[in-house]
Amino acid sequence: MAKSCAALKREYSMRNPVKPMGEKLIFSGVGENDVYNIASPLRTSDGLVIPGRVEPRADGLASVIRFFERRNERYELLEDVASLPLQDPFHACIQGFLVVGGVYVHKDAQGELTGWETRFYRGIDIRSLSLFAKGPQNMKDIRLVELQDGRVGVFTRPHGLPDARAKIGYLEVETLAQLTPEIMEQAILLDDLFLPEEWGGANEIHLLEDGRLGVLGHISCQTGTDTLHYHAMAFVFDPVTRTYTEPMIIADRACFPEGPAKEARLWDVVFTGGMIRNNDGTATLYVGISDAEAAKVEIPDPFCVNHPG
């Protein structure tokens, strides 16, 4: 039986009576635009590069993904790298390709949202990316991972289901060429991760030494008429047995400095971007906060065998 966000948050607070405090990331080169909902850093020929969602504070549909190089204590825009017309970037190395994706929004003639889809670009580096696949209509949070046998694991996130707001799905394909909307619709659904009135999704997948998959994601709920609460979470999935551990919250909004929110209802949002696993049992978690800024925090590695969760 799935546990509620509130129950998982209580367990997180018990494991962490003193919560870690993260720091905001500073981005330059985009004027007054916000940079948030970042992915984890990429190691490139330019150095350490972060893809981020860039948009005006007042227009959540005017988003693009831009790439920023770490220089000293800030991330500076790589002006010679093309933007992607997407929200909420993610990336993975799959069968020799760098795959970068995000959410493409469909708008009508008046600029109003009519739907969305996940789009996938691939190349040998961030300067050679081209569109090669799309997800099903109105499906976000599709994530890829190369398995130990070289096949591709695919996590999906259908929403608006008869018995749930959203669930995480899983399937496997032989090659990226098989990544089609029709195939992704066939994913098996992972039950008992979220309550029917709550939801979540996968944000980044880590192939573990034993072949299992560390799923980094978010779990969310709503209070009142529209106030949203997003938390970073993690669980471990076995692609052979299709079994999985109970999700645990690994960070919440209190782990980061206070700051502005795109809207008042989004003040308690932590949108998981990605994670760098360190060699000492810790990890650096990268997130978007309050749909307005980006941050990172050092946490216990949720996929370490000695983690208390």
C-alpha atoms as a PDB file:
ATOM      1  CA  MET A   1       0.000   0.000   0.000  1.00  0.00           C
ATOM      2  CA  ALA A   2       1.392   3.378  -0.992  1.00  0.00           C
ATOM      3  CA  LYS A   3       2.268   5.886   1.692  1.00  0.00           C
ATOM      4  CA  SER A   4       1.189   9.501   1.497  1.00  0.00           C
ATOM      5  CA  CYS A   5       3.529  12.409   0.918  1.00  0.00           C
ATOM      6  CA  ALA A   6       2.863  13.428   4.519  1.00  0.00           C
ATOM      7  CA  ALA A   7       3.884  10.003   5.880  1.00  0.00           C
ATOM      8  CA  LEU A   8       7.029   9.874   3.729  1.00  0.00           C
ATOM      9  CA  LYS A   9       7.912  13.403   4.809  1.00  0.00           C
ATOM     10  CA  ARG A  10       7.568  12.431   8.481  1.00  0.00           C
ATOM     11  CA  GLU A  11       9.916   9.503   7.903  1.00  0.00           C
ATOM     12  CA  TYR A  12      12.360  11.819   6.146  1.00  0.00           C
ATOM     13  CA  SER A  13      12.315  14.222   9.090  1.00  0.00           C
ATOM     14  CA  MET A  14      12.941  11.349  11.509  1.00  0.00           C
ATOM     15  CA  ARG A  15      15.971  10.225   9.478  1.00  0.00           C
ATOM     16  CA  ASN A  16      17.175  13.815   9.214  1.00  0.00           C
ATOM     17  CA  PRO A  17      16.404  15.706  12.436  1.00  0.00           C
ATOM     18  CA  VAL A  18      18.825  18.338  11.154  1.00  0.00           C
ATOM     19  CA  LYS A  19      18.168  18.768   7.457  1.00  0.00           C
ATOM     20  CA  PRO A  20      21.036  19.557   5.091  1.00  0.00           C
ATOM     21  CA  MET A  21      21.070  23.107   3.749  1.00  0.00           C
ATOM     22  CA  GLY A  22      21.766  23.552   0.073  1.00  0.00           C
ATOM     23  CA  GLU A  23      22.808  26.561  -1.954  1.00  0.00           C
ATOM     24  CA  LYS A  24      21.367  28.411  -4.893  1.00  0.00           C
ATOM     25  CA  LEU A  25      23.157  28.291  -8.243  1.00  0.00           C
ATOM     26  CA  ILE A  26      23.977  31.512 -10.051  1.00  0.00           C
ATOM     27  CA  PHE A  27      23.460  31.747 -13.818  1.00  0.00           C
ATOM     28  CA  SER A  28      24.540  34.539 -16.133  1.00  0.00           C
ATOM     29  CA  GLY A  29      23.919  35.476 -19.747  1.00  0.00           C
ATOM     30  CA  VAL A  30      20.099  35.326 -19.816  1.00  0.00           C
ATOM     31  CA  GLY A  31      19.194  38.815 -18.656  1.00  0.00           C
ATOM     32  CA  GLU A  32      16.230  38.946 -16.283  1.00  0.00           C
ATOM     33  CA  ASN A  33      14.994  35.459 -17.188  1.00  0.00           C
ATOM     34  CA  ASP A  34      14.768  32.726 -14.580  1.00  0.00           C
ATOM     35  CA  VAL A  35      16.830  29.535 -14.795  1.00  0.00           C
ATOM     36  CA  TYR A  36      15.284  26.594 -12.962  1.00  0.00           C
ATOM     37  CA  ASN A  37      14.371  22.901 -13.257  1.00  0.00           C
ATOM     38  CA  ILE A  38      17.931  22.085 -14.237  1.00  0.00           C
ATOM     39  CA  ALA A  39      19.371  18.679 -15.075  1.00  0.00           C
ATOM     40  CA  SER A  40      22.494  17.294 -13.423  1.00  0.00           C
ATOM     41  CA  PRO A  41      25.854  18.543 -14.772  1.00  0.00           C
ATOM     42  CA  LEU A  42      27.316  17.076 -17.953  1.00  0.00           C
ATOM     43  CA  ARG A  43      31.048  16.599 -18.386  1.00  0.00           C
ATOM     44  CA  THR A  44      31.818  18.018 -21.836  1.00  0.00           C
ATOM     45  CA  SER A  45      34.728  19.427 -23.807  1.00  0.00           C
ATOM     46  CA  ASP A  46      33.688  22.804 -22.383  1.00  0.00           C
ATOM     47  CA  GLY A  47      33.961  21.488 -18.840  1.00  0.00           C
ATOM     48  CA  LEU A  48      31.051  21.022 -16.466  1.00  0.00           C
ATOM     49  CA  VAL A  49      27.823  22.058 -18.216  1.00  0.00           C
ATOM     50  CA  ILE A  50      24.287  22.295 -16.825  1.00  0.00           C
ATOM     51  CA  PRO A  51      21.171  22.346 -19.050  1.00  0.00           C
ATOM     52  CA  GLY A  52      18.489  24.577 -17.565  1.00  0.00           C
ATOM     53  CA  ARG A  53      14.963  25.769 -18.247  1.00  0.00           C
ATOM     54  CA  VAL A  54      15.038  29.477 -19.112  1.00  0.00           C
ATOM     55  CA  GLU A  55      11.955  31.700 -19.217  1.00  0.00           C
ATOM     56  CA  PRO A  56      10.517  35.045 -18.103  1.00  0.00           C
ATOM     57  CA  ARG A  57       9.032  35.036 -14.603  1.00  0.00           C
ATOM     58  CA  ALA A  58       5.654  36.082 -15.981  1.00  0.00           C
ATOM     59  CA  ASP A  59       5.357  33.507 -18.779  1.00  0.00           C
ATOM     60  CA  GLY A  60       5.726  29.817 -17.945  1.00  0.00           C
ATOM     61  CA  LEU A  61       5.088  28.830 -21.567  1.00  0.00           C
ATOM     62  CA  ALA A  62       7.931  30.871 -23.093  1.00  0.00           C
ATOM     63  CA  SER A  63      10.535  28.268 -22.158  1.00  0.00           C
ATOM     64  CA  VAL A  64      13.729  27.132 -23.810  1.00  0.00           C
ATOM     65  CA  ILE A  65      16.563  24.895 -22.674  1.00  0.00           C
ATOM     66  CA  ARG A  66      19.977  26.563 -22.633  1.00  0.00           C
ATOM     67  CA  PHE A  67      23.389  25.207 -21.645  1.00  0.00           C
ATOM     68  CA  PHE A  68      25.612  26.819 -19.018  1.00  0.00           C
ATOM     69  CA  GLU A  69      29.307  26.215 -18.333  1.00  0.00           C
ATOM     70  CA  ARG A  70      30.600  26.308 -14.791  1.00  0.00           C
ATOM     71  CA  ARG A  71      33.166  29.081 -14.385  1.00  0.00           C
ATOM     72  CA  ASN A  72      34.369  29.766 -10.865  1.00  0.00           C
ATOM     73  CA  GLU A  73      31.285  30.174  -8.690  1.00  0.00           C
ATOM     74  CA  ARG A  74      28.685  30.683 -11.411  1.00  0.00           C
ATOM     75  CA  TYR A  75      27.300  29.111 -14.579  1.00  0.00           C
ATOM     76  CA  GLU A  76      27.738  31.172 -17.739  1.00  0.00           C
ATOM     77  CA  LEU A  77      25.642  30.778 -20.871  1.00  0.00           C
ATOM     78  CA  LEU A  78      27.267  28.929 -23.770  1.00  0.00           C
ATOM     79  CA  GLU A  79      26.082  31.287 -26.487  1.00  0.00           C
ATOM     80  CA  ASP A  80      27.332  29.098 -29.345  1.00  0.00           C
ATOM     81  CA  VAL A  81      25.164  26.138 -28.303  1.00  0.00           C
ATOM     82  CA  ALA A  82      21.673  26.205 -29.813  1.00  0.00           C
ATOM     83  CA  SER A  83      18.676  26.421 -27.519  1.00  0.00           C
ATOM     84  CA  LEU A  84      16.050  23.686 -27.527  1.00  0.00           C
ATOM     85  CA  PRO A  85      12.326  24.664 -27.540  1.00  0.00           C
ATOM     86  CA  LEU A  86      11.604  22.614 -24.426  1.00  0.00           C
ATOM     87  CA  GLN A  87      10.985  22.722 -20.682  1.00  0.00           C
ATOM     88  CA  ASP A  88      12.575  20.688 -17.865  1.00  0.00           C
ATOM     89  CA  PRO A  89      15.732  19.192 -19.405  1.00  0.00           C
ATOM     90  CA  PHE A  90      17.155  15.732 -18.796  1.00  0.00           C
ATOM     91  CA  HIS A  91      19.996  13.767 -20.353  1.00  0.00           C
ATOM     92  CA  ALA A  92      21.463  10.274 -20.566  1.00  0.00           C
ATOM     93  CA  CYS A  93      24.209   8.446 -22.452  1.00  0.00           C
ATOM     94  CA  ILE A  94      22.496   5.743 -24.514  1.00  0.00           C
ATOM     95  CA  GLN A  95      24.182   3.348 -26.970  1.00  0.00           C
ATOM     96  CA  GLY A  96      26.945   5.794 -27.838  1.00  0.00           C
ATOM     97  CA  PHE A  97      24.729   8.874 -28.070  1.00  0.00           C
ATOM     98  CA  LEU A  98      24.169  11.814 -25.782  1.00  0.00           C
ATOM     99  CA  VAL A  99      20.386  12.025 -25.446  1.00  0.00           C
ATOM    100  CA  VAL A 100      18.871  15.297 -24.234  1.00  0.00           C
ATOM    101  CA  GLY A 101      15.152  15.756 -23.822  1.00  0.00           C
ATOM    102  CA  GLY A 102      12.443  17.885 -22.320  1.00  0.00           C
ATOM    103  CA  VAL A 103       8.786  18.844 -22.546  1.00  0.00           C
ATOM    104  CA  TYR A 104       7.492  20.540 -25.686  1.00  0.00           C
ATOM    105  CA  VAL A 105       4.320  22.568 -25.149  1.00  0.00           C
ATOM    106  CA  HIS A 106       1.621  22.995 -27.786  1.00  0.00           C
ATOM    107  CA  LYS A 107      -0.119  26.379 -27.900  1.00  0.00           C
ATOM    108  CA  ASP A 108      -3.071  27.753 -29.837  1.00  0.00           C
ATOM    109  CA  ALA A 109      -3.127  30.963 -31.871  1.00  0.00           C
ATOM    110  CA  GLN A 110      -3.705  32.973 -28.695  1.00  0.00           C
ATOM    111  CA  GLY A 111      -0.674  31.429 -27.011  1.00  0.00           C
ATOM    112  CA  GLU A 112      -2.738  29.307 -24.618  1.00  0.00           C
ATOM    113  CA  LEU A 113      -1.588  25.811 -23.641  1.00  0.00           C
ATOM    114  CA  THR A 114      -3.322  23.010 -25.536  1.00  0.00           C
ATOM    115  CA  GLY A 115      -1.103  20.030 -24.670  1.00  0.00           C
ATOM    116  CA  TRP A 116       2.434  18.785 -24.386  1.00  0.00           C
ATOM    117  CA  GLU A 117       4.771  15.934 -25.235  1.00  0.00           C
ATOM    118  CA  THR A 118       8.268  14.764 -24.334  1.00  0.00           C
ATOM    119  CA  ARG A 119      10.806  15.192 -27.137  1.00  0.00           C
ATOM    120  CA  PHE A 120      14.200  13.533 -27.474  1.00  0.00           C
ATOM    121  CA  TYR A 121      17.323  14.879 -29.197  1.00  0.00           C
ATOM    122  CA  ARG A 122      20.559  12.983 -29.730  1.00  0.00           C
ATOM    123  CA  GLY A 123      24.094  13.651 -30.935  1.00  0.00           C
ATOM    124  CA  ILE A 124      27.712  13.045 -30.079  1.00  0.00           C
ATOM    125  CA  ASP A 125      27.806  16.227 -27.981  1.00  0.00           C
ATOM    126  CA  ILE A 126      25.684  19.246 -27.029  1.00  0.00           C
ATOM    127  CA  ARG A 127      26.473  20.976 -30.362  1.00  0.00           C
ATOM    128  CA  SER A 128      25.212  18.177 -32.600  1.00  0.00           C
ATOM    129  CA  LEU A 129      21.798  17.438 -31.115  1.00  0.00           C
ATOM    130  CA  SER A 130      18.884  16.692 -33.446  1.00  0.00           C
ATOM    131  CA  LEU A 131      15.312  15.595 -32.806  1.00  0.00           C
ATOM    132  CA  PHE A 132      14.784  11.849 -33.191  1.00  0.00           C
ATOM    133  CA  ALA A 133      11.785  10.790 -31.072  1.00  0.00           C
ATOM    134  CA  LYS A 134       8.630  12.003 -29.380  1.00  0.00           C
ATOM    135  CA  GLY A 135       6.577  10.594 -26.553  1.00  0.00           C
ATOM    136  CA  PRO A 136       2.811  10.107 -26.373  1.00  0.00           C
ATOM    137  CA  GLN A 137       0.653  13.205 -26.294  1.00  0.00           C
ATOM    138  CA  ASN A 138       0.318  14.771 -22.836  1.00  0.00           C
ATOM    139  CA  MET A 139       2.973  12.577 -21.195  1.00  0.00           C
ATOM    140  CA  LYS A 140       5.821  14.151 -19.224  1.00  0.00           C
ATOM    141  CA  ASP A 141       8.617  12.542 -17.187  1.00  0.00           C
ATOM    142  CA  ILE A 142       9.794   9.941 -19.700  1.00  0.00           C
ATOM    143  CA  ARG A 143      13.349   8.897 -18.853  1.00  0.00           C
ATOM    144  CA  LEU A 144      15.882   6.536 -20.440  1.00  0.00           C
ATOM    145  CA  VAL A 145      18.760   4.412 -19.173  1.00  0.00           C
ATOM    146  CA  GLU A 146      21.135   1.979 -20.852  1.00  0.00           C
ATOM    147  CA  LEU A 147      20.898  -1.394 -19.105  1.00  0.00           C
ATOM    148  CA  GLN A 148      23.777  -3.762 -18.355  1.00  0.00           C
ATOM    149  CA  ASP A 149      22.985  -5.822 -21.452  1.00  0.00           C
ATOM    150  CA  GLY A 150      22.995  -2.747 -23.702  1.00  0.00           C
ATOM    151  CA  ARG A 151      19.234  -2.536 -24.113  1.00  0.00           C
ATOM    152  CA  VAL A 152      17.305   0.610 -23.206  1.00  0.00           C
ATOM    153  CA  GLY A 153      15.118   0.907 -20.132  1.00  0.00           C
ATOM    154  CA  VAL A 154      12.284   3.423 -20.473  1.00  0.00           C
ATOM    155  CA  PHE A 155      10.344   4.949 -17.588  1.00  0.00           C
ATOM    156  CA  THR A 156       7.053   6.610 -18.538  1.00  0.00           C
ATOM    157  CA  ARG A 157       4.451   8.653 -16.666  1.00  0.00           C
ATOM    158  CA  PRO A 158       0.868   8.338 -17.934  1.00  0.00           C
ATOM    159  CA  HIS A 159      -1.527  10.620 -16.083  1.00  0.00           C
ATOM    160  CA  GLY A 160      -5.262  11.018 -15.760  1.00  0.00           C
ATOM    161  CA  LEU A 161      -5.747   7.292 -15.204  1.00  0.00           C
ATOM    162  CA  PRO A 162      -9.088   5.893 -13.990  1.00  0.00           C
ATOM    163  CA  ASP A 163      -7.604   4.971 -10.602  1.00  0.00           C
ATOM    164  CA  ALA A 164      -4.829   7.539 -10.186  1.00  0.00           C
ATOM    165  CA  ARG A 165      -3.675  11.033 -11.117  1.00  0.00           C
ATOM    166  CA  ALA A 166      -0.445   9.534 -12.468  1.00  0.00           C
ATOM    167  CA  LYS A 167       1.717   6.426 -12.276  1.00  0.00           C
ATOM    168  CA  ILE A 168       5.234   5.513 -13.336  1.00  0.00           C
ATOM    169  CA  GLY A 169       5.513   2.910 -16.101  1.00  0.00           C
ATOM    170  CA  TYR A 170       8.414   0.808 -17.360  1.00  0.00           C
ATOM    171  CA  LEU A 171       9.345  -1.000 -20.570  1.00  0.00           C
ATOM    172  CA  GLU A 172      12.467  -1.973 -22.526  1.00  0.00           C
ATOM    173  CA  VAL A 173      13.477  -1.582 -26.168  1.00  0.00           C
ATOM    174  CA  GLU A 174      16.439  -2.922 -28.098  1.00  0.00           C
ATOM    175  CA  THR A 175      17.498   0.377 -29.678  1.00  0.00           C
ATOM    176  CA  LEU A 176      16.611   4.065 -29.693  1.00  0.00           C
ATOM    177  CA  ALA A 177      14.997   3.535 -33.108  1.00  0.00           C
ATOM    178  CA  GLN A 178      12.198   1.645 -31.349  1.00  0.00           C
ATOM    179  CA  LEU A 179      11.357   4.596 -29.105  1.00  0.00           C
ATOM    180  CA  THR A 180       7.879   5.446 -30.425  1.00  0.00           C
ATOM    181  CA  PRO A 181       4.727   6.801 -28.762  1.00  0.00           C
ATOM    182  CA  GLU A 182       2.937   3.522 -29.439  1.00  0.00           C
ATOM    183  CA  ILE A 183       5.660   1.482 -27.717  1.00  0.00           C
ATOM    184  CA  MET A 184       5.769   3.824 -24.722  1.00  0.00           C
ATOM    185  CA  GLU A 185       2.035   3.458 -24.225  1.00  0.00           C
ATOM    186  CA  GLN A 186       2.616  -0.276 -23.588  1.00  0.00           C
ATOM    187  CA  ALA A 187       4.677   0.204 -20.410  1.00  0.00           C
ATOM    188  CA  ILE A 188       3.729  -1.825 -17.358  1.00  0.00           C
ATOM    189  CA  LEU A 189       2.549   0.402 -14.518  1.00  0.00           C
ATOM    190  CA  LEU A 190       4.201   0.390 -11.102  1.00  0.00           C
ATOM    191  CA  ASP A 191       1.454   0.273  -8.498  1.00  0.00           C
ATOM    192  CA  ASP A 192       1.678   1.314  -4.846  1.00  0.00           C
ATOM    193  CA  LEU A 193       4.170   4.129  -5.374  1.00  0.00           C
ATOM    194  CA  PHE A 194       1.628   6.951  -4.965  1.00  0.00           C
ATOM    195  CA  LEU A 195      -1.808   7.376  -3.469  1.00  0.00           C
ATOM    196  CA  PRO A 196      -4.538   7.805  -6.110  1.00  0.00           C
ATOM    197  CA  GLU A 197      -4.884  11.514  -5.303  1.00  0.00           C
ATOM    198  CA  GLU A 198      -1.113  12.110  -5.346  1.00  0.00           C
ATOM    199  CA  TRP A 199       1.418  11.749  -8.147  1.00  0.00           C
ATOM    200  CA  GLY A 200       5.062  11.685  -9.120  1.00  0.00           C
ATOM    201  CA  GLY A 201       7.517  10.790 -11.820  1.00  0.00           C
ATOM    202  CA  ALA A 202      11.040   9.684 -12.667  1.00  0.00           C
ATOM    203  CA  ASN A 203      13.614  12.416 -13.322  1.00  0.00           C
ATOM    204  CA  GLU A 204      16.951  10.615 -13.718  1.00  0.00           C
ATOM    205  CA  ILE A 205      17.920   6.937 -13.744  1.00  0.00           C
ATOM    206  CA  HIS A 206      21.183   5.524 -12.386  1.00  0.00           C
ATOM    207  CA  LEU A 207      22.445   2.080 -13.437  1.00  0.00           C
ATOM    208  CA  LEU A 208      23.715   0.457 -10.237  1.00  0.00           C
ATOM    209  CA  GLU A 209      26.560  -2.047  -9.977  1.00  0.00           C
ATOM    210  CA  ASP A 210      24.218  -4.997  -9.492  1.00  0.00           C
ATOM    211  CA  GLY A 211      22.185  -4.140 -12.587  1.00  0.00           C
ATOM    212  CA  ARG A 212      19.285  -2.635 -10.707  1.00  0.00           C
ATOM    213  CA  LEU A 213      18.165   0.914 -11.435  1.00  0.00           C
ATOM    214  CA  GLY A 214      18.257   3.794  -9.004  1.00  0.00           C
ATOM    215  CA  VAL A 215      15.243   5.929  -9.826  1.00  0.00           C
ATOM    216  CA  LEU A 216      15.549   9.566  -8.837  1.00  0.00           C
ATOM    217  CA  GLY A 217      12.255  11.391  -9.047  1.00  0.00           C
ATOM    218  CA  HIS A 218       9.625  13.511  -7.370  1.00  0.00           C
ATOM    219  CA  ILE A 219       6.473  12.824  -5.368  1.00  0.00           C
ATOM    220  CA  SER A 220       3.771  15.441  -5.191  1.00  0.00           C
ATOM    221  CA  CYS A 221       0.473  16.356  -3.586  1.00  0.00           C
ATOM    222  CA  GLN A 222      -1.946  19.246  -3.466  1.00  0.00           C
ATOM    223  CA  THR A 223      -3.547  21.072  -0.565  1.00  0.00           C
ATOM    224  CA  GLY A 224      -6.407  23.504  -0.686  1.00  0.00           C
ATOM    225  CA  THR A 225      -7.614  24.425  -4.120  1.00  0.00           C
ATOM    226  CA  ASP A 226      -4.262  24.611  -5.887  1.00  0.00           C
ATOM    227  CA  THR A 227      -1.193  24.779  -3.594  1.00  0.00           C
ATOM    228  CA  LEU A 228       1.366  22.228  -4.830  1.00  0.00           C
ATOM    229  CA  HIS A 229       3.947  20.350  -2.761  1.00  0.00           C
ATOM    230  CA  TYR A 230       6.790  18.640  -4.632  1.00  0.00           C
ATOM    231  CA  HIS A 231       9.523  16.611  -2.912  1.00  0.00           C
ATOM    232  CA  ALA A 232      12.633  14.878  -4.239  1.00  0.00           C
ATOM    233  CA  MET A 233      12.361  11.115  -3.841  1.00  0.00           C
ATOM    234  CA  ALA A 234      14.170   7.910  -4.796  1.00  0.00           C
ATOM    235  CA  PHE A 235      13.580   4.171  -5.045  1.00  0.00           C
ATOM    236  CA  VAL A 236      15.366   1.161  -6.553  1.00  0.00           C
ATOM    237  CA  PHE A 237      13.859  -0.845  -9.426  1.00  0.00           C
ATOM    238  CA  ASP A 238      14.901  -4.331 -10.538  1.00  0.00           C
ATOM    239  CA  PRO A 239      14.439  -4.598 -14.336  1.00  0.00           C
ATOM    240  CA  VAL A 240      14.631  -8.410 -14.214  1.00  0.00           C
ATOM    241  CA  THR A 241      11.995  -9.096 -11.573  1.00  0.00           C
ATOM    242  CA  ARG A 242      10.143  -5.803 -12.084  1.00  0.00           C
ATOM    243  CA  THR A 243      10.080  -5.325  -8.316  1.00  0.00           C
ATOM    244  CA  TYR A 244      10.931  -2.100  -6.531  1.00  0.00           C
ATOM    245  CA  THR A 245      11.578  -0.649  -3.117  1.00  0.00           C
ATOM    246  CA  GLU A 246       9.329   1.780  -1.308  1.00  0.00           C
ATOM    247  CA  PRO A 247      10.005   5.385  -2.335  1.00  0.00           C
ATOM    248  CA  MET A 248      11.623   7.677   0.194  1.00  0.00           C
ATOM    249  CA  ILE A 249      11.835  11.443   0.255  1.00  0.00           C
ATOM    250  CA  ILE A 250      15.441  12.639   0.032  1.00  0.00           C
ATOM    251  CA  ALA A 251      14.971  16.434   0.091  1.00  0.00           C
ATOM    252  CA  ASP A 252      12.217  19.006   0.543  1.00  0.00           C
ATOM    253  CA  ARG A 253      11.898  22.772   0.224  1.00  0.00           C
ATOM    254  CA  ALA A 254      13.281  23.332   3.749  1.00  0.00           C
ATOM    255  CA  CYS A 255      16.657  22.023   2.494  1.00  0.00           C
ATOM    256  CA  PHE A 256      17.152  25.178   0.425  1.00  0.00           C
ATOM    257  CA  PRO A 257      17.360  28.916   1.091  1.00  0.00           C
ATOM    258  CA  GLU A 258      14.185  30.951   0.900  1.00  0.00           C
ATOM    259  CA  GLY A 259      13.495  32.800  -2.312  1.00  0.00           C
ATOM    260  CA  PRO A 260      10.906  33.921  -4.838  1.00  0.00           C
ATOM    261  CA  ALA A 261       8.262  31.673  -6.384  1.00  0.00           C
ATOM    262  CA  LYS A 262       6.812  31.941  -9.875  1.00  0.00           C
ATOM    263  CA  GLU A 263       3.380  31.907  -8.225  1.00  0.00           C
ATOM    264  CA  ALA A 264       2.329  31.804  -4.577  1.00  0.00           C
ATOM    265  CA  ARG A 265       0.951  28.289  -4.996  1.00  0.00           C
ATOM    266  CA  LEU A 266       4.418  27.020  -6.046  1.00  0.00           C
ATOM    267  CA  TRP A 267       6.417  28.079  -2.970  1.00  0.00           C
ATOM    268  CA  ASP A 268       6.799  24.447  -1.760  1.00  0.00           C
ATOM    269  CA  VAL A 269       8.057  22.962  -5.028  1.00  0.00           C
ATOM    270  CA  VAL A 270      11.318  21.016  -5.297  1.00  0.00           C
ATOM    271  CA  PHE A 271      11.590  19.590  -8.814  1.00  0.00           C
ATOM    272  CA  THR A 272      14.299  16.947  -8.995  1.00  0.00           C
ATOM    273  CA  GLY A 273      16.794  17.496 -11.790  1.00  0.00           C
ATOM    274  CA  GLY A 274      19.564  14.975 -11.296  1.00  0.00           C
ATOM    275  CA  MET A 275      22.297  13.785  -9.000  1.00  0.00           C
ATOM    276  CA  ILE A 276      26.046  13.229  -8.968  1.00  0.00           C
ATOM    277  CA  ARG A 277      27.019  10.259  -6.802  1.00  0.00           C
ATOM    278  CA  ASN A 278      30.217  10.832  -4.848  1.00  0.00           C
ATOM    279  CA  ASN A 279      32.699   8.216  -3.622  1.00  0.00           C
ATOM    280  CA  ASP A 280      32.102   8.757   0.085  1.00  0.00           C
ATOM    281  CA  GLY A 281      28.478   7.682   0.497  1.00  0.00           C
ATOM    282  CA  THR A 282      27.133  11.124  -0.320  1.00  0.00           C
ATOM    283  CA  ALA A 283      25.581  12.620  -3.427  1.00  0.00           C
ATOM    284  CA  THR A 284      25.022  16.103  -4.812  1.00  0.00           C
ATOM    285  CA  LEU A 285      21.379  16.645  -5.720  1.00  0.00           C
ATOM    286  CA  TYR A 286      20.461  19.295  -8.325  1.00  0.00           C
ATOM    287  CA  VAL A 287      16.931  20.711  -8.316  1.00  0.00           C
ATOM    288  CA  GLY A 288      14.618  23.501  -9.330  1.00  0.00           C
ATOM    289  CA  ILE A 289      12.971  25.373  -6.453  1.00  0.00           C
ATOM    290  CA  SER A 290       9.627  27.176  -6.474  1.00  0.00           C
ATOM    291  CA  ASP A 291       9.617  27.276 -10.302  1.00  0.00           C
ATOM    292  CA  ALA A 292      11.956  30.267 -10.144  1.00  0.00           C
ATOM    293  CA  GLU A 293      15.501  29.236  -9.171  1.00  0.00           C
ATOM    294  CA  ALA A 294      17.962  26.334  -9.202  1.00  0.00           C
ATOM    295  CA  ALA A 295      19.934  24.860  -6.326  1.00  0.00           C
ATOM    296  CA  LYS A 296      22.030  21.935  -5.136  1.00  0.00           C
ATOM    297  CA  VAL A 297      22.460  20.129  -1.823  1.00  0.00           C
ATOM    298  CA  GLU A 298      24.697  17.407  -0.404  1.00  0.00           C
ATOM    299  CA  ILE A 299      22.699  14.397   0.819  1.00  0.00           C
ATOM    300  CA  PRO A 300      23.336  10.763   1.767  1.00  0.00           C
ATOM    301  CA  ASP A 301      23.505   8.734  -1.434  1.00  0.00           C
ATOM    302  CA  PRO A 302      20.029   7.146  -1.646  1.00  0.00           C
ATOM    303  CA  PHE A 303      21.426   4.261  -3.714  1.00  0.00           C
ATOM    304  CA  CYS A 304      24.272   3.427  -1.348  1.00  0.00           C
ATOM    305  CA  VAL A 305      23.832   0.027   0.354  1.00  0.00           C
ATOM    306  CA  ASN A 306      24.495   1.637   3.725  1.00  0.00           C
ATOM    307  CA  HIS A 307      21.849   4.315   3.336  1.00  0.00           C
ATOM    308  CA  PRO A 308      19.381   4.249   6.267  1.00  0.00           C
ATOM    309  CA  GLY A 309      16.429   4.263   3.875  1.00  0.00           C
END
